[in-house]
Amino acid sequence: MAEKSIDHAFTANNLTSAASDPTYAGALSFMRRRFTKDLTGADTVVWGIPFDAATSNRPGARFGPQAIRRASAIFDNDPQYPFDIDLFSRMPVIDYGDCRLDYGNHWQTPATIEREASAILSSANYLLTLGGDHFITWPLLKAHVAKHGPLALVQFDAHQDTWFDDDKRIDHGSFVGRAVHEGLIDPARSIQIGIRTHAPEDCGIRILFGYELEEMSAAQVAETIIRHVGDMPAYLTFDIDCLDPAFAPGTGTPVAGGPSSAKVLSILQRLGPLNICGSDVVEVAPAYDHADVTAIAGATIAMYMLGLRARRLRAR
């Protein structure tokens, strides 16, 4: 037992060291990464935003970051499937904890998120955010665009999120339309995958509907995404309700007819050619979950996002 660690999130010697905490014990940072507000030496930062005041149906995504971190404990430090590498050996990663929000003044929330995200991105190269409802992606996009310029949006979701917006609403169903109108994302190079609802406006964004995913192979879907986005810097956002409720019951607005977690993961691991500048996983609401099914899916998707980043760094 001498070589084993415990509470690696606090006892790690460096940002690339491996953890060996038991799955059932130890501090629950994301994948046991060091819990710290010190950005020194970090290439990639994992950050939680426990906010769900913008939900239109069932609340509870404010508990998403906790649930995803807890579920990520199942990942030990063997090479992670399907990347077959230690994700952290050449990619220093920290868990920055959560964004501190004033629950009594939601109008301050967007500026708070944008300000803290910008501070992280002023030092780190990549930010992976755990939500929280999907409204958080709008201020996150603002922070990323300030660093990288306008982005292509790659959005896995059951909903288009392009509903009416007066530029004042705190609404997880309108942030994409606002991002287009503000010039944060290029609709001609953006794509939504898994959509199973209709909105009054598509904002010129390419849509792969749920039934199309059912008829296409994972390789065909990935090829379509890569071809559409091209070499433009991209932001990858994953609303867990993209998955069929059989694979993600713990979410605020579940929609039947979605893809399996296996198919989505197969798509994600093929997105290496994209220049992904930042990403998030949102809308995990553990109060409606069963046996951590949704949290495990969310944690695995987040791990794949880190895997894509690690692969890209190794290829340089």
Protein backbone atom coordinates (compact mmCIF):
# COMPACT_ATOMS: atom_id res chain seq x y z
CA MET A 1 0.00 0.00 0.00
CA ALA A 2 3.00 2.32 0.27
CA GLU A 3 2.67 3.45 -3.35
CA LYS A 4 -1.05 4.12 -3.07
CA SER A 5 -2.46 7.63 -2.72
CA ILE A 6 -5.44 9.05 -0.89
CA ASP A 7 -7.02 12.46 -1.36
CA HIS A 8 -4.84 12.94 -4.42
CA ALA A 9 -6.78 16.12 -5.22
CA PHE A 10 -4.92 17.72 -2.31
CA THR A 11 -1.79 15.58 -1.89
CA ALA A 12 -0.58 15.38 -5.51
CA ASN A 13 3.08 16.33 -5.93
CA ASN A 14 2.55 17.83 -9.38
CA LEU A 15 -0.16 18.43 -11.98
CA THR A 16 0.72 15.38 -14.07
CA SER A 17 1.01 12.79 -11.29
CA ALA A 18 -1.20 9.72 -11.27
CA ALA A 19 -3.79 9.04 -8.56
CA SER A 20 -4.64 5.70 -7.00
CA ASP A 21 -7.41 6.61 -4.58
CA PRO A 22 -10.01 3.90 -4.04
CA THR A 23 -13.11 4.57 -6.12
CA TYR A 24 -15.18 4.73 -2.94
CA ALA A 25 -12.93 7.16 -1.03
CA GLY A 26 -10.87 10.31 -1.31
CA ALA A 27 -11.57 13.89 -2.34
CA LEU A 28 -13.89 14.05 -5.33
CA SER A 29 -12.25 16.42 -7.77
CA PHE A 30 -12.76 15.65 -11.45
CA MET A 31 -10.71 12.52 -12.19
CA ARG A 32 -8.73 13.19 -8.99
CA ARG A 33 -7.01 16.24 -10.43
CA ARG A 34 -5.54 18.71 -7.98
CA PHE A 35 -8.18 20.97 -6.43
CA THR A 36 -6.69 24.47 -6.53
CA LYS A 37 -7.27 28.09 -7.49
CA ASP A 38 -3.60 28.36 -8.47
CA LEU A 39 -3.40 28.30 -12.27
CA THR A 40 0.40 28.10 -12.36
CA GLY A 41 1.55 25.46 -14.83
CA ALA A 42 -1.95 24.33 -15.81
CA ASP A 43 -2.66 23.75 -19.50
CA THR A 44 -6.26 22.67 -18.95
CA VAL A 45 -8.75 23.66 -16.26
CA VAL A 46 -11.90 21.85 -15.17
CA TRP A 47 -14.44 24.20 -13.61
CA GLY A 48 -17.98 23.82 -12.27
CA ILE A 49 -20.87 26.27 -12.61
CA PRO A 50 -23.70 25.17 -10.25
CA PHE A 51 -26.47 27.26 -11.83
CA ASP A 52 -29.97 26.20 -12.95
CA ALA A 53 -32.15 29.31 -12.58
CA ALA A 54 -32.58 29.46 -16.38
CA THR A 55 -34.35 26.11 -16.68
CA SER A 56 -37.74 25.98 -18.37
CA ASN A 57 -38.77 22.56 -17.03
CA ARG A 58 -37.29 20.56 -14.14
CA PRO A 59 -34.59 22.29 -12.06
CA GLY A 60 -31.66 20.52 -10.44
CA ALA A 61 -28.68 20.99 -12.79
CA ARG A 62 -27.01 23.11 -10.09
CA PHE A 63 -26.03 19.75 -8.60
CA GLY A 64 -24.51 18.62 -11.90
CA PRO A 65 -20.86 19.50 -11.17
CA GLN A 66 -20.95 17.53 -7.91
CA ALA A 67 -22.54 14.52 -9.59
CA ILE A 68 -20.10 14.52 -12.52
CA ARG A 69 -17.10 14.77 -10.20
CA ARG A 70 -18.43 11.93 -8.08
CA ALA A 71 -19.01 9.73 -11.12
CA SER A 72 -15.53 10.49 -12.48
CA ALA A 73 -13.98 8.64 -9.53
CA ILE A 74 -14.58 5.44 -11.47
CA PHE A 75 -11.77 6.42 -13.84
CA ASP A 76 -8.49 5.14 -12.45
CA ASN A 77 -5.11 6.09 -13.85
CA ASP A 78 -4.69 3.29 -16.33
CA PRO A 79 -4.67 4.44 -19.97
CA GLN A 80 -8.17 5.75 -20.63
CA TYR A 81 -10.30 3.97 -23.25
CA PRO A 82 -10.33 4.58 -26.19
CA PHE A 83 -7.34 6.93 -26.11
CA ASP A 84 -4.89 4.33 -24.72
CA ILE A 85 -2.78 6.98 -22.97
CA ASP A 86 -2.41 8.54 -19.54
CA LEU A 87 -4.35 11.71 -20.30
CA PHE A 88 -2.41 13.78 -17.79
CA SER A 89 1.22 12.76 -18.31
CA ARG A 90 1.75 15.55 -20.87
CA MET A 91 -1.31 17.68 -20.13
CA PRO A 92 -1.24 19.40 -16.73
CA VAL A 93 -4.85 19.63 -15.52
CA ILE A 94 -6.38 21.14 -12.39
CA ASP A 95 -9.88 21.17 -10.97
CA TYR A 96 -10.54 24.84 -10.25
CA GLY A 97 -13.62 24.09 -8.16
CA ASP A 98 -16.85 26.00 -8.75
CA CYS A 99 -17.92 29.48 -9.76
CA ARG A 100 -19.21 31.46 -6.78
CA LEU A 101 -22.64 32.84 -7.65
CA ASP A 102 -25.13 35.00 -5.76
CA TYR A 103 -28.32 32.93 -5.65
CA GLY A 104 -30.32 36.06 -4.83
CA ASN A 105 -29.24 38.10 -7.84
CA HIS A 106 -29.32 36.09 -11.04
CA TRP A 107 -28.86 39.18 -13.19
CA GLN A 108 -25.25 39.24 -12.06
CA THR A 109 -24.66 35.62 -13.06
CA PRO A 110 -23.65 36.09 -16.74
CA ALA A 111 -21.06 38.75 -15.93
CA THR A 112 -19.70 36.68 -13.02
CA ILE A 113 -19.27 33.62 -15.22
CA GLU A 114 -17.68 35.60 -18.04
CA ARG A 115 -15.31 37.43 -15.72
CA GLU A 116 -14.07 34.28 -13.97
CA ALA A 117 -13.83 32.30 -17.20
CA SER A 118 -11.78 35.11 -18.73
CA ALA A 119 -9.45 35.09 -15.74
CA ILE A 120 -8.91 31.34 -16.13
CA LEU A 121 -8.32 31.64 -19.88
CA SER A 122 -5.81 34.44 -19.37
CA SER A 123 -3.50 31.82 -17.87
CA ALA A 124 -4.68 28.38 -19.03
CA ASN A 125 -5.01 27.23 -22.64
CA TYR A 126 -8.20 25.18 -22.34
CA LEU A 127 -11.30 25.31 -20.15
CA LEU A 128 -13.67 22.38 -19.64
CA THR A 129 -16.79 23.48 -17.75
CA LEU A 130 -19.28 21.29 -15.88
CA GLY A 131 -22.81 22.71 -15.67
CA GLY A 132 -25.26 23.80 -14.68
CA ASP A 133 -28.01 24.50 -17.20
CA HIS A 134 -27.26 25.43 -20.79
CA PHE A 135 -27.56 29.17 -20.28
CA ILE A 136 -24.01 29.14 -18.89
CA THR A 137 -22.65 28.50 -22.38
CA TRP A 138 -23.47 32.05 -23.50
CA PRO A 139 -21.11 33.83 -21.05
CA LEU A 140 -18.56 31.05 -21.58
CA LEU A 141 -18.66 31.74 -25.32
CA LYS A 142 -18.08 35.44 -24.66
CA ALA A 143 -14.96 34.63 -22.65
CA HIS A 144 -13.65 32.20 -25.27
CA VAL A 145 -14.33 34.57 -28.16
CA ALA A 146 -12.37 37.30 -26.37
CA LYS A 147 -9.36 34.96 -26.53
CA HIS A 148 -9.85 33.11 -29.82
CA GLY A 149 -12.17 35.27 -31.93
CA PRO A 150 -15.53 34.10 -33.36
CA LEU A 151 -16.07 30.36 -33.08
CA ALA A 152 -17.91 27.50 -34.72
CA LEU A 153 -20.37 25.94 -32.29
CA VAL A 154 -20.55 22.13 -32.18
CA GLN A 155 -23.66 21.45 -30.12
CA PHE A 156 -24.93 18.03 -29.06
CA ASP A 157 -28.49 18.62 -27.88
CA ALA A 158 -32.14 17.65 -28.19
CA HIS A 159 -33.05 21.35 -28.48
CA GLN A 160 -31.94 24.13 -30.82
CA ASP A 161 -31.93 26.81 -28.07
CA THR A 162 -32.72 29.51 -30.63
CA TRP A 163 -35.99 30.76 -29.13
CA PHE A 164 -36.90 34.44 -28.87
CA ASP A 165 -34.44 36.50 -26.88
CA ASP A 166 -34.57 40.17 -25.86
CA ASP A 167 -30.91 40.21 -24.76
CA LYS A 168 -32.07 40.31 -21.16
CA ARG A 169 -33.58 36.88 -20.54
CA ILE A 170 -31.93 34.33 -18.25
CA ASP A 171 -33.06 31.41 -20.40
CA HIS A 172 -31.38 28.17 -21.39
CA GLY A 173 -33.55 27.98 -24.52
CA SER A 174 -32.35 31.11 -26.27
CA PHE A 175 -28.59 31.36 -25.75
CA VAL A 176 -27.68 30.06 -29.24
CA GLY A 177 -29.80 32.69 -30.97
CA ARG A 178 -28.23 35.37 -28.81
CA ALA A 179 -24.73 34.08 -29.60
CA VAL A 180 -25.48 34.26 -33.33
CA HIS A 181 -26.96 37.76 -33.12
CA GLU A 182 -23.95 38.98 -31.14
CA GLY A 183 -21.48 37.50 -33.63
CA LEU A 184 -19.95 35.11 -31.09
CA ILE A 185 -20.43 32.10 -33.36
CA ASP A 186 -20.43 31.70 -37.13
CA PRO A 187 -23.74 30.00 -37.98
CA ALA A 188 -22.46 28.91 -41.41
CA ARG A 189 -19.75 26.81 -39.70
CA SER A 190 -21.80 25.71 -36.68
CA ILE A 191 -23.70 22.46 -36.32
CA GLN A 192 -26.27 20.96 -33.94
CA ILE A 193 -26.38 17.18 -33.48
CA GLY A 194 -29.30 15.14 -32.15
CA ILE A 195 -32.06 17.77 -32.35
CA ARG A 196 -35.51 16.33 -31.62
CA THR A 197 -37.64 19.45 -31.23
CA HIS A 198 -38.54 22.46 -33.38
CA ALA A 199 -37.87 26.13 -32.74
CA PRO A 200 -39.17 29.11 -34.76
CA GLU A 201 -35.68 29.97 -36.00
CA ASP A 202 -32.63 27.93 -36.97
CA CYS A 203 -30.31 30.95 -37.31
CA GLY A 204 -28.70 29.34 -40.35
CA ILE A 205 -27.05 26.59 -38.30
CA ARG A 206 -26.71 23.11 -39.81
CA ILE A 207 -28.89 20.57 -38.00
CA LEU A 208 -28.53 16.81 -37.76
CA PHE A 209 -31.87 15.67 -36.40
CA GLY A 210 -32.32 12.70 -34.11
CA TYR A 211 -33.74 10.50 -36.85
CA GLU A 212 -30.72 11.28 -39.05
CA LEU A 213 -28.36 10.12 -36.30
CA GLU A 214 -30.35 6.91 -36.12
CA GLU A 215 -29.79 6.31 -39.84
CA MET A 216 -26.10 7.38 -39.99
CA SER A 217 -23.06 5.59 -38.64
CA ALA A 218 -20.89 7.26 -36.01
CA ALA A 219 -18.16 7.67 -38.61
CA GLN A 220 -20.57 9.38 -41.01
CA VAL A 221 -21.76 11.79 -38.30
CA ALA A 222 -18.19 12.67 -37.30
CA GLU A 223 -17.21 13.18 -40.94
CA THR A 224 -20.18 15.51 -41.43
CA ILE A 225 -19.21 17.58 -38.38
CA ILE A 226 -15.55 17.81 -39.35
CA ARG A 227 -16.32 18.73 -42.95
CA HIS A 228 -18.83 21.40 -41.92
CA VAL A 229 -16.67 23.07 -39.26
CA GLY A 230 -13.41 22.76 -41.16
CA ASP A 231 -10.38 24.40 -39.59
CA MET A 232 -12.29 27.15 -37.79
CA PRO A 233 -11.70 27.29 -34.00
CA ALA A 234 -14.64 25.52 -32.37
CA TYR A 235 -16.43 25.37 -29.05
CA LEU A 236 -17.89 21.96 -28.13
CA THR A 237 -20.99 22.00 -25.92
CA PHE A 238 -22.79 18.83 -24.84
CA ASP A 239 -26.27 19.00 -23.36
CA ILE A 240 -26.79 15.60 -21.73
CA ASP A 241 -30.38 15.54 -23.03
CA CYS A 242 -28.89 14.86 -26.46
CA LEU A 243 -28.85 11.27 -25.23
CA ASP A 244 -32.05 9.26 -25.19
CA PRO A 245 -33.64 9.25 -21.70
CA ALA A 246 -32.80 5.55 -21.49
CA PHE A 247 -29.15 6.61 -21.22
CA ALA A 248 -29.62 9.98 -19.46
CA PRO A 249 -32.81 10.12 -17.38
CA GLY A 250 -31.30 12.66 -14.99
CA THR A 251 -31.92 15.86 -16.89
CA GLY A 252 -34.41 18.69 -16.88
CA THR A 253 -36.03 18.31 -20.31
CA PRO A 254 -35.65 14.71 -21.53
CA VAL A 255 -36.76 13.95 -25.10
CA ALA A 256 -37.30 10.41 -26.40
CA GLY A 257 -35.71 9.21 -29.61
CA GLY A 258 -32.09 10.17 -28.99
CA PRO A 259 -28.84 8.32 -29.57
CA SER A 260 -27.21 5.90 -27.16
CA SER A 261 -24.23 6.85 -25.06
CA ALA A 262 -22.18 4.31 -27.03
CA LYS A 263 -22.95 5.98 -30.36
CA VAL A 264 -22.28 9.49 -29.09
CA LEU A 265 -18.96 8.46 -27.56
CA SER A 266 -18.01 6.82 -30.83
CA ILE A 267 -18.74 10.12 -32.59
CA LEU A 268 -16.82 12.20 -30.05
CA GLN A 269 -13.64 10.15 -30.19
CA ARG A 270 -13.50 10.76 -33.96
CA LEU A 271 -13.51 14.57 -33.62
CA GLY A 272 -9.74 14.86 -33.22
CA PRO A 273 -9.27 16.88 -36.44
CA LEU A 274 -11.37 19.74 -35.02
CA ASN A 275 -9.59 22.70 -33.45
CA ILE A 276 -11.61 22.63 -30.22
CA CYS A 277 -10.76 25.66 -28.05
CA GLY A 278 -13.10 24.96 -25.14
CA SER A 279 -15.97 22.72 -24.09
CA ASP A 280 -18.70 22.05 -21.57
CA VAL A 281 -21.07 19.34 -20.35
CA VAL A 282 -24.39 20.68 -19.09
CA GLU A 283 -27.89 19.82 -17.83
CA VAL A 284 -26.98 16.82 -15.64
CA ALA A 285 -29.68 16.90 -12.92
CA PRO A 286 -28.95 14.06 -10.48
CA ALA A 287 -32.27 14.28 -8.63
CA TYR A 288 -33.90 12.51 -11.61
CA ASP A 289 -31.06 10.07 -12.16
CA HIS A 290 -30.99 6.31 -11.48
CA ALA A 291 -27.85 4.53 -10.27
CA ASP A 292 -25.76 7.52 -11.49
CA VAL A 293 -26.49 6.56 -15.12
CA THR A 294 -26.61 10.18 -16.29
CA ALA A 295 -23.71 11.31 -14.12
CA ILE A 296 -21.55 8.48 -15.47
CA ALA A 297 -22.46 9.46 -19.03
CA GLY A 298 -21.63 13.11 -18.28
CA ALA A 299 -18.32 12.24 -16.65
CA THR A 300 -17.37 9.98 -19.55
CA ILE A 301 -18.21 12.66 -22.11
CA ALA A 302 -16.08 15.14 -20.15
CA MET A 303 -13.24 12.60 -20.04
CA TYR A 304 -13.48 12.19 -23.82
CA MET A 305 -13.18 15.96 -24.18
CA LEU A 306 -9.95 15.81 -22.18
CA GLY A 307 -8.87 12.84 -24.29
CA LEU A 308 -9.28 14.83 -27.50
CA ARG A 309 -7.23 17.63 -25.96
CA ALA A 310 -4.49 15.23 -24.80
CA ARG A 311 -4.29 13.62 -28.25
CA ARG A 312 -3.97 17.02 -29.91
CA LEU A 313 -1.15 18.06 -27.59
CA ARG A 314 0.74 14.82 -28.25
CA ALA A 315 0.41 15.31 -32.00
CA ARG A 316 2.15 18.68 -31.94
